[in-house]
Amino acid sequence: MAKKNCWEVMKCGREPGGKNVRELGICPAATDERLEGTHGGKKAGRACWVIAGTFCGSAVQGTFAQKYKDCTECAFFRQVKKEEGADYQTSLILLKRLKVVK
């Protein structure tokens, strides 16, 4: 079974071509190429908790520091962590990858 990205599980409609793009904009997790392939996802779709500006609880979230606690309580975050098991990449590792300039 293929691993699902956050927009597929959460059904926010903010992925490119999604039903809520016109109203809410495209989610940065659906376009951020720096985390392409992380946890087997597309773009940052399986590492959305480290991306600023993602959508949760009917509101756009802020920086990692502002949203991380809420993200750790998210069913999708917990699903990814469980699915990845020993291969789960911690937020610290992912944040370092975001800071690397290509």
C-alpha atoms as a PDB file:
ATOM      1  CA  MET A   1       0.000   0.000   0.000  1.00  0.00           C
ATOM      2  CA  ALA A   2       1.337   3.443  -0.945  1.00  0.00           C
ATOM      3  CA  LYS A   3       2.059   5.906   1.809  1.00  0.00           C
ATOM      4  CA  LYS A   4      -0.329   8.849   1.856  1.00  0.00           C
ATOM      5  CA  ASN A   5       0.564  12.518   2.125  1.00  0.00           C
ATOM      6  CA  CYS A   6      -1.042  14.862   4.642  1.00  0.00           C
ATOM      7  CA  TRP A   7      -3.457  16.408   2.127  1.00  0.00           C
ATOM      8  CA  GLU A   8      -4.696  12.937   1.153  1.00  0.00           C
ATOM      9  CA  VAL A   9      -5.357  11.953   4.760  1.00  0.00           C
ATOM     10  CA  MET A  10      -6.539  15.288   6.148  1.00  0.00           C
ATOM     11  CA  LYS A  11      -8.492  16.206   2.988  1.00  0.00           C
ATOM     12  CA  CYS A  12      -7.712  19.919   3.316  1.00  0.00           C
ATOM     13  CA  GLY A  13      -7.943  20.536  -0.430  1.00  0.00           C
ATOM     14  CA  ARG A  14      -4.836  22.761  -0.439  1.00  0.00           C
ATOM     15  CA  GLU A  15      -2.702  20.563  -2.721  1.00  0.00           C
ATOM     16  CA  PRO A  16      -2.122  21.843  -6.284  1.00  0.00           C
ATOM     17  CA  GLY A  17      -5.481  21.525  -8.043  1.00  0.00           C
ATOM     18  CA  GLY A  18      -7.267  20.974  -4.718  1.00  0.00           C
ATOM     19  CA  LYS A  19     -10.811  22.147  -4.020  1.00  0.00           C
ATOM     20  CA  ASN A  20      -9.761  24.846  -1.506  1.00  0.00           C
ATOM     21  CA  VAL A  21      -6.782  26.353  -3.332  1.00  0.00           C
ATOM     22  CA  ARG A  22      -8.703  29.350  -4.651  1.00  0.00           C
ATOM     23  CA  GLU A  23      -9.971  30.265  -1.177  1.00  0.00           C
ATOM     24  CA  LEU A  24      -7.052  29.193   1.049  1.00  0.00           C
ATOM     25  CA  GLY A  25      -4.038  28.966  -1.266  1.00  0.00           C
ATOM     26  CA  ILE A  26      -1.689  26.074  -1.942  1.00  0.00           C
ATOM     27  CA  CYS A  27      -0.188  24.512   1.160  1.00  0.00           C
ATOM     28  CA  PRO A  28       3.581  24.916   1.408  1.00  0.00           C
ATOM     29  CA  ALA A  29       3.921  21.228   2.367  1.00  0.00           C
ATOM     30  CA  ALA A  30       2.504  20.327  -1.051  1.00  0.00           C
ATOM     31  CA  THR A  31       5.141  22.351  -2.901  1.00  0.00           C
ATOM     32  CA  ASP A  32       8.281  22.374  -0.733  1.00  0.00           C
ATOM     33  CA  GLU A  33      10.806  20.279  -2.655  1.00  0.00           C
ATOM     34  CA  ARG A  34      13.467  20.300   0.067  1.00  0.00           C
ATOM     35  CA  LEU A  35      11.808  17.341   1.797  1.00  0.00           C
ATOM     36  CA  GLU A  36      10.849  15.430  -1.352  1.00  0.00           C
ATOM     37  CA  GLY A  37      10.659  11.734  -0.569  1.00  0.00           C
ATOM     38  CA  THR A  38      10.858  12.136   3.209  1.00  0.00           C
ATOM     39  CA  HIS A  39       9.071   9.205   4.851  1.00  0.00           C
ATOM     40  CA  GLY A  40       8.084   8.084   1.347  1.00  0.00           C
ATOM     41  CA  GLY A  41       5.998  11.174   0.630  1.00  0.00           C
ATOM     42  CA  LYS A  42       5.621  13.709  -2.139  1.00  0.00           C
ATOM     43  CA  LYS A  43       7.246  17.115  -1.475  1.00  0.00           C
ATOM     44  CA  ALA A  44       6.865  17.663   2.316  1.00  0.00           C
ATOM     45  CA  GLY A  45       3.601  15.728   2.461  1.00  0.00           C
ATOM     46  CA  ARG A  46       4.862  13.343   5.143  1.00  0.00           C
ATOM     47  CA  ALA A  47       6.780  15.955   7.125  1.00  0.00           C
ATOM     48  CA  CYS A  48       4.238  18.797   7.187  1.00  0.00           C
ATOM     49  CA  TRP A  49       4.836  19.525  10.879  1.00  0.00           C
ATOM     50  CA  VAL A  50       8.171  21.198  10.126  1.00  0.00           C
ATOM     51  CA  ILE A  51       6.786  23.427   7.360  1.00  0.00           C
ATOM     52  CA  ALA A  52       5.517  26.905   8.272  1.00  0.00           C
ATOM     53  CA  GLY A  53       2.128  27.905   6.882  1.00  0.00           C
ATOM     54  CA  THR A  54       0.432  24.513   6.820  1.00  0.00           C
ATOM     55  CA  PHE A  55      -3.288  24.309   7.515  1.00  0.00           C
ATOM     56  CA  CYS A  56      -4.738  22.738  10.629  1.00  0.00           C
ATOM     57  CA  GLY A  57      -7.879  23.180  12.645  1.00  0.00           C
ATOM     58  CA  SER A  58      -9.352  25.494   9.988  1.00  0.00           C
ATOM     59  CA  ALA A  59      -6.489  27.983  10.317  1.00  0.00           C
ATOM     60  CA  VAL A  60      -3.096  28.515   8.734  1.00  0.00           C
ATOM     61  CA  GLN A  61      -0.390  27.626  11.239  1.00  0.00           C
ATOM     62  CA  GLY A  62       2.773  29.611  11.913  1.00  0.00           C
ATOM     63  CA  THR A  63       6.384  28.635  12.381  1.00  0.00           C
ATOM     64  CA  PHE A  64       7.604  25.259  13.578  1.00  0.00           C
ATOM     65  CA  ALA A  65       8.086  26.611  17.113  1.00  0.00           C
ATOM     66  CA  GLN A  66       4.528  27.959  17.190  1.00  0.00           C
ATOM     67  CA  LYS A  67       2.816  24.841  15.894  1.00  0.00           C
ATOM     68  CA  TYR A  68       4.904  21.812  16.878  1.00  0.00           C
ATOM     69  CA  LYS A  69       3.040  20.955  20.084  1.00  0.00           C
ATOM     70  CA  ASP A  70      -0.271  20.879  18.202  1.00  0.00           C
ATOM     71  CA  CYS A  71       1.315  18.834  15.430  1.00  0.00           C
ATOM     72  CA  THR A  72       2.516  16.156  17.831  1.00  0.00           C
ATOM     73  CA  GLU A  73      -1.117  15.648  18.836  1.00  0.00           C
ATOM     74  CA  CYS A  74      -2.265  15.324  15.199  1.00  0.00           C
ATOM     75  CA  ALA A  75      -3.500  11.916  14.044  1.00  0.00           C
ATOM     76  CA  PHE A  76      -1.517  12.226  10.782  1.00  0.00           C
ATOM     77  CA  PHE A  77       1.753  12.991  12.599  1.00  0.00           C
ATOM     78  CA  ARG A  78       1.217   9.949  14.798  1.00  0.00           C
ATOM     79  CA  GLN A  79       0.338   7.806  11.780  1.00  0.00           C
ATOM     80  CA  VAL A  80       3.580   8.726  10.005  1.00  0.00           C
ATOM     81  CA  LYS A  81       5.627   8.079  13.122  1.00  0.00           C
ATOM     82  CA  LYS A  82       4.035   4.651  13.554  1.00  0.00           C
ATOM     83  CA  GLU A  83       4.352   3.721   9.862  1.00  0.00           C
ATOM     84  CA  GLU A  84       8.010   4.741   9.723  1.00  0.00           C
ATOM     85  CA  GLY A  85       9.060   3.047  12.951  1.00  0.00           C
ATOM     86  CA  ALA A  86      12.859   2.968  13.170  1.00  0.00           C
ATOM     87  CA  ASP A  87      13.118   4.905   9.874  1.00  0.00           C
ATOM     88  CA  TYR A  88      11.255   7.923  11.271  1.00  0.00           C
ATOM     89  CA  GLN A  89      13.321  11.090  10.814  1.00  0.00           C
ATOM     90  CA  THR A  90      13.106  13.400  13.807  1.00  0.00           C
ATOM     91  CA  SER A  91      12.032  17.009  13.469  1.00  0.00           C
ATOM     92  CA  LEU A  92      15.564  18.158  14.275  1.00  0.00           C
ATOM     93  CA  ILE A  93      16.929  16.230  11.279  1.00  0.00           C
ATOM     94  CA  LEU A  94      14.164  17.568   9.027  1.00  0.00           C
ATOM     95  CA  LEU A  95      14.708  21.155  10.150  1.00  0.00           C
ATOM     96  CA  LYS A  96      18.417  20.838   9.349  1.00  0.00           C
ATOM     97  CA  ARG A  97      17.498  19.609   5.861  1.00  0.00           C
ATOM     98  CA  LEU A  98      15.280  22.672   5.382  1.00  0.00           C
ATOM     99  CA  LYS A  99      18.195  24.995   6.151  1.00  0.00           C
ATOM    100  CA  VAL A 100      20.510  23.408   3.584  1.00  0.00           C
ATOM    101  CA  VAL A 101      20.757  25.628   0.514  1.00  0.00           C
ATOM    102  CA  LYS A 102      20.952  23.767  -2.784  1.00  0.00           C
END
